[in-house]
Amino acid sequence: MGERQPTLNKIDVYLEIGKKRTFAGALEWPGWCRSGRDENAAVQALIEYGPRYERVLRHAGIEFQGPYESSAITVVERLEGNATTDFSAPDAVPSLDLRPIDHDELQRFQTLLSACWQAFDRGVKQAYGKELRKGPRGGGRDLEEISQHVLGSARSYLARLAWKPKSGEAQDLSEGILQTREDVSEALAAAALGELPARGPRGGTIWAPRYFVRRMAWHILDHLWEIEARAGQSR
């Protein structure tokens, strides 16, 4: 008998197309989102990171297997990017993310975000004591600076749900991480139940809860994979 061929998993993705950069994101799998100079490069990067995303979810007991080739990818939506897109961060909201979240989906998203946080913690722990490779101009945050950045961004994302953190000022980084993650979980639940306003206090746009999960998961994993690459742990 010949070697068994892997099942071809079909994945629906959206593309966020800027002038200099394009993002490809899996619609049903928040956090699995990569970029490239054009559409083909973005889709290829997404496929290449499938095994890494699978490892993130495996620890949380979430079953996932990425596609092995671009023919498994179906582009269902193309969005116009902006300056943020070209700066290498996704910023457009796919139409799917405007749909409400039911109870089962809320539980799934909470589990998925927890898996991302846990993966980030493991990456930090494995890179601890190692010198992170610098960029081409000698730049780049160190390990604690990356952790502080991810924490600060999570707090700023809470504001995009019009959520005021209940926690006080943390005494150290580990306490701040725990408090912020609790706030994220509570804010997502409140947003899914429709308990938060649709507009910010100054009239600013509030993120839909699905997009909140998508953007949060992407940011956590993007910096996890940065740590792995710069610490020589990429695989």
Protein backbone atom coordinates (compact mmCIF):
# COMPACT_ATOMS: atom_id res chain seq x y z
CA MET A 1 0.00 0.00 0.00
CA GLY A 2 1.19 3.52 -0.74
CA GLU A 3 1.71 6.19 1.87
CA ARG A 4 -1.56 7.69 3.05
CA GLN A 5 -2.02 11.26 1.82
CA PRO A 6 -3.10 13.95 4.31
CA THR A 7 -6.69 15.12 4.17
CA LEU A 8 -7.09 18.40 2.30
CA ASN A 9 -8.75 20.75 4.78
CA LYS A 10 -10.68 23.60 3.21
CA ILE A 11 -10.12 26.97 4.85
CA ASP A 12 -12.04 30.20 4.19
CA VAL A 13 -9.86 33.29 4.46
CA TYR A 14 -10.17 37.02 4.02
CA LEU A 15 -7.51 39.29 2.55
CA GLU A 16 -6.73 42.77 3.82
CA ILE A 17 -4.93 44.47 0.95
CA GLY A 18 -2.78 47.54 1.53
CA LYS A 19 -0.49 49.37 -0.85
CA LYS A 20 2.64 47.66 0.46
CA ARG A 21 1.37 44.70 2.49
CA THR A 22 -1.43 42.14 2.43
CA PHE A 23 -2.79 40.07 5.31
CA ALA A 24 -4.45 36.68 4.97
CA GLY A 25 -6.59 35.62 7.92
CA ALA A 26 -8.53 32.42 8.52
CA LEU A 27 -12.10 33.48 9.22
CA GLU A 28 -13.00 30.72 11.67
CA TRP A 29 -9.58 30.57 13.35
CA PRO A 30 -8.67 33.86 15.09
CA GLY A 31 -4.93 34.35 15.51
CA TRP A 32 -4.02 32.40 12.38
CA CYS A 33 -3.21 35.45 10.28
CA ARG A 34 -0.01 36.24 8.36
CA SER A 35 1.14 38.86 5.89
CA GLY A 36 3.17 39.18 2.72
CA ARG A 37 4.00 41.69 0.03
CA ASP A 38 1.06 40.50 -2.08
CA GLU A 39 -1.88 38.11 -1.97
CA ASN A 40 0.06 34.99 -2.94
CA ALA A 41 2.82 35.68 -0.42
CA ALA A 42 0.29 36.27 2.36
CA VAL A 43 -1.57 33.03 1.63
CA GLN A 44 1.70 31.10 1.47
CA ALA A 45 2.80 32.54 4.81
CA LEU A 46 -0.54 31.53 6.32
CA ILE A 47 -0.06 27.95 5.15
CA GLU A 48 3.51 27.83 6.46
CA TYR A 49 2.37 28.92 9.91
CA GLY A 50 -0.42 26.35 10.05
CA PRO A 51 1.66 23.80 12.01
CA ARG A 52 2.66 26.46 14.55
CA TYR A 53 -0.97 27.47 15.03
CA GLU A 54 -1.88 23.81 15.40
CA ARG A 55 0.65 23.44 18.24
CA VAL A 56 -0.86 26.44 20.02
CA LEU A 57 -4.34 24.90 19.96
CA ARG A 58 -3.25 21.34 20.67
CA HIS A 59 -2.27 22.21 24.24
CA ALA A 60 -5.83 23.45 24.85
CA GLY A 61 -7.41 20.34 23.33
CA ILE A 62 -8.71 22.21 20.28
CA GLU A 63 -8.64 20.03 17.17
CA PHE A 64 -7.10 21.75 14.19
CA GLN A 65 -5.15 20.76 11.10
CA GLY A 66 -4.07 23.37 8.60
CA PRO A 67 -4.02 22.92 4.82
CA TYR A 68 -0.91 21.75 3.02
CA GLU A 69 -1.35 23.66 -0.21
CA SER A 70 -2.90 26.86 -1.53
CA SER A 71 -5.67 24.97 -3.39
CA ALA A 72 -7.25 24.36 0.02
CA ILE A 73 -7.58 28.11 0.60
CA THR A 74 -10.75 29.89 -0.50
CA VAL A 75 -10.69 33.68 -0.46
CA VAL A 76 -14.22 34.73 0.47
CA GLU A 77 -13.65 38.43 1.13
CA ARG A 78 -11.20 41.15 0.12
CA LEU A 79 -10.90 44.25 2.30
CA GLU A 80 -9.15 47.52 1.63
CA GLY A 81 -6.15 48.06 3.87
CA ASN A 82 -4.77 51.30 5.24
CA ALA A 83 -1.61 52.75 6.75
CA THR A 84 -1.85 50.32 9.67
CA THR A 85 -1.94 47.42 7.22
CA ASP A 86 1.22 48.68 5.53
CA PHE A 87 2.80 49.12 8.98
CA SER A 88 2.37 45.32 9.40
CA ALA A 89 -0.76 45.08 11.57
CA PRO A 90 -4.24 43.98 10.44
CA ASP A 91 -6.87 46.68 10.85
CA ALA A 92 -9.86 45.84 8.63
CA VAL A 93 -12.94 44.03 9.98
CA PRO A 94 -14.24 41.09 7.94
CA SER A 95 -18.04 40.99 7.59
CA LEU A 96 -18.22 37.70 9.53
CA ASP A 97 -16.99 39.52 12.62
CA LEU A 98 -20.13 41.67 12.72
CA ARG A 99 -22.27 38.66 13.56
CA PRO A 100 -23.28 38.07 17.20
CA ILE A 101 -21.63 35.40 19.34
CA ASP A 102 -23.72 32.65 20.90
CA HIS A 103 -22.89 30.77 24.10
CA ASP A 104 -20.97 27.93 22.45
CA GLU A 105 -18.91 30.33 20.36
CA LEU A 106 -18.12 32.43 23.43
CA GLN A 107 -16.77 29.35 25.19
CA ARG A 108 -14.72 28.43 22.13
CA PHE A 109 -13.25 31.93 21.86
CA GLN A 110 -12.43 32.02 25.57
CA THR A 111 -10.62 28.68 25.23
CA LEU A 112 -8.81 29.86 22.12
CA LEU A 113 -7.59 33.07 23.76
CA SER A 114 -6.47 31.08 26.80
CA ALA A 115 -4.50 28.80 24.48
CA CYS A 116 -2.80 31.83 22.92
CA TRP A 117 -1.84 33.24 26.33
CA GLN A 118 -0.50 29.88 27.48
CA ALA A 119 1.54 29.48 24.29
CA PHE A 120 2.98 32.96 24.78
CA ASP A 121 3.94 32.08 28.36
CA ARG A 122 5.69 28.92 27.19
CA GLY A 123 7.56 30.87 24.52
CA VAL A 124 8.75 33.45 27.03
CA LYS A 125 9.84 30.74 29.45
CA GLN A 126 11.79 28.85 26.77
CA ALA A 127 13.50 32.05 25.60
CA TYR A 128 14.37 33.23 29.12
CA GLY A 129 18.10 33.79 29.50
CA LYS A 130 18.70 33.75 25.76
CA GLU A 131 19.78 36.80 23.81
CA LEU A 132 17.21 37.62 21.18
CA ARG A 133 18.65 38.17 17.72
CA LYS A 134 18.65 41.83 16.74
CA GLY A 135 17.14 43.24 13.58
CA PRO A 136 19.13 44.37 10.54
CA ARG A 137 19.83 47.73 12.22
CA GLY A 138 20.50 46.29 15.64
CA GLY A 139 17.00 47.07 16.91
CA GLY A 140 14.29 45.02 18.56
CA ARG A 141 12.71 44.75 22.01
CA ASP A 142 14.16 42.43 24.62
CA LEU A 143 12.03 39.68 26.20
CA GLU A 144 10.60 41.78 29.01
CA GLU A 145 9.88 44.66 26.66
CA ILE A 146 7.92 42.34 24.36
CA SER A 147 5.93 41.04 27.33
CA GLN A 148 5.20 44.59 28.46
CA HIS A 149 4.16 45.53 24.93
CA VAL A 150 1.75 42.60 24.62
CA LEU A 151 0.30 43.44 28.03
CA GLY A 152 -0.08 47.14 27.18
CA SER A 153 -1.75 46.34 23.86
CA ALA A 154 -4.21 43.99 25.56
CA ARG A 155 -5.17 46.83 27.89
CA SER A 156 -5.62 49.21 24.97
CA TYR A 157 -7.80 46.64 23.20
CA LEU A 158 -10.10 46.59 26.24
CA ALA A 159 -10.79 50.26 25.62
CA ARG A 160 -11.97 49.33 22.12
CA LEU A 161 -14.81 47.43 23.81
CA ALA A 162 -15.58 50.45 26.04
CA TRP A 163 -14.53 48.27 28.97
CA LYS A 164 -13.05 49.88 32.06
CA PRO A 165 -10.76 47.40 33.83
CA LYS A 166 -11.93 46.54 37.33
CA SER A 167 -8.40 45.73 38.46
CA GLY A 168 -6.22 48.29 40.16
CA GLU A 169 -2.63 49.13 39.37
CA ALA A 170 -0.50 45.97 39.36
CA GLN A 171 2.62 45.83 41.50
CA ASP A 172 4.65 43.77 39.02
CA LEU A 173 4.50 42.32 35.51
CA SER A 174 3.17 38.89 36.50
CA GLU A 175 0.34 40.44 38.53
CA GLY A 176 -0.47 42.81 35.69
CA ILE A 177 -0.64 39.94 33.22
CA LEU A 178 -3.04 37.99 35.42
CA GLN A 179 -5.29 40.99 36.04
CA THR A 180 -5.40 41.97 32.38
CA ARG A 181 -6.25 38.47 31.22
CA GLU A 182 -9.12 38.32 33.71
CA ASP A 183 -10.36 41.66 32.36
CA VAL A 184 -10.14 40.37 28.78
CA SER A 185 -12.25 37.33 29.66
CA GLU A 186 -14.88 39.39 31.46
CA ALA A 187 -14.99 42.06 28.75
CA LEU A 188 -15.47 39.51 25.98
CA ALA A 189 -18.32 37.84 27.86
CA ALA A 190 -20.01 41.18 28.49
CA ALA A 191 -19.62 42.21 24.84
CA ALA A 192 -21.01 38.90 23.60
CA LEU A 193 -24.06 39.36 25.83
CA GLY A 194 -24.64 42.86 24.50
CA GLU A 195 -23.90 44.49 27.85
CA LEU A 196 -21.41 47.02 26.46
CA PRO A 197 -22.21 50.17 24.46
CA ALA A 198 -22.02 50.24 20.67
CA ARG A 199 -20.20 53.57 20.71
CA GLY A 200 -17.36 54.84 22.85
CA PRO A 201 -17.70 57.72 25.35
CA ARG A 202 -16.31 60.14 22.77
CA GLY A 203 -18.17 58.64 19.84
CA GLY A 204 -15.34 56.34 18.78
CA THR A 205 -16.01 53.06 17.02
CA ILE A 206 -16.25 50.04 19.30
CA TRP A 207 -14.92 46.72 18.09
CA ALA A 208 -17.31 43.85 17.53
CA PRO A 209 -16.49 41.05 20.01
CA ARG A 210 -15.51 38.65 17.21
CA TYR A 211 -13.00 41.16 15.92
CA PHE A 212 -11.74 41.78 19.46
CA VAL A 213 -10.89 38.07 19.68
CA ARG A 214 -9.33 38.07 16.21
CA ARG A 215 -7.12 41.09 16.86
CA MET A 216 -6.13 39.99 20.37
CA ALA A 217 -5.21 36.45 19.28
CA TRP A 218 -3.23 37.75 16.30
CA HIS A 219 -1.19 40.13 18.44
CA ILE A 220 -0.34 37.54 21.08
CA LEU A 221 0.74 34.93 18.54
CA ASP A 222 2.56 37.41 16.33
CA HIS A 223 4.86 38.27 19.21
CA LEU A 224 5.13 34.66 20.34
CA TRP A 225 6.41 33.75 16.88
CA GLU A 226 8.70 36.79 16.93
CA ILE A 227 10.23 35.52 20.18
CA GLU A 228 10.68 32.03 18.75
CA ALA A 229 12.34 33.37 15.61
CA ARG A 230 14.69 35.74 17.41
CA ALA A 231 15.60 33.13 20.04
CA GLY A 232 16.36 30.56 17.34
CA GLN A 233 13.39 28.37 18.29
CA SER A 234 11.43 28.58 15.01
CA ARG A 235 10.36 25.23 13.62
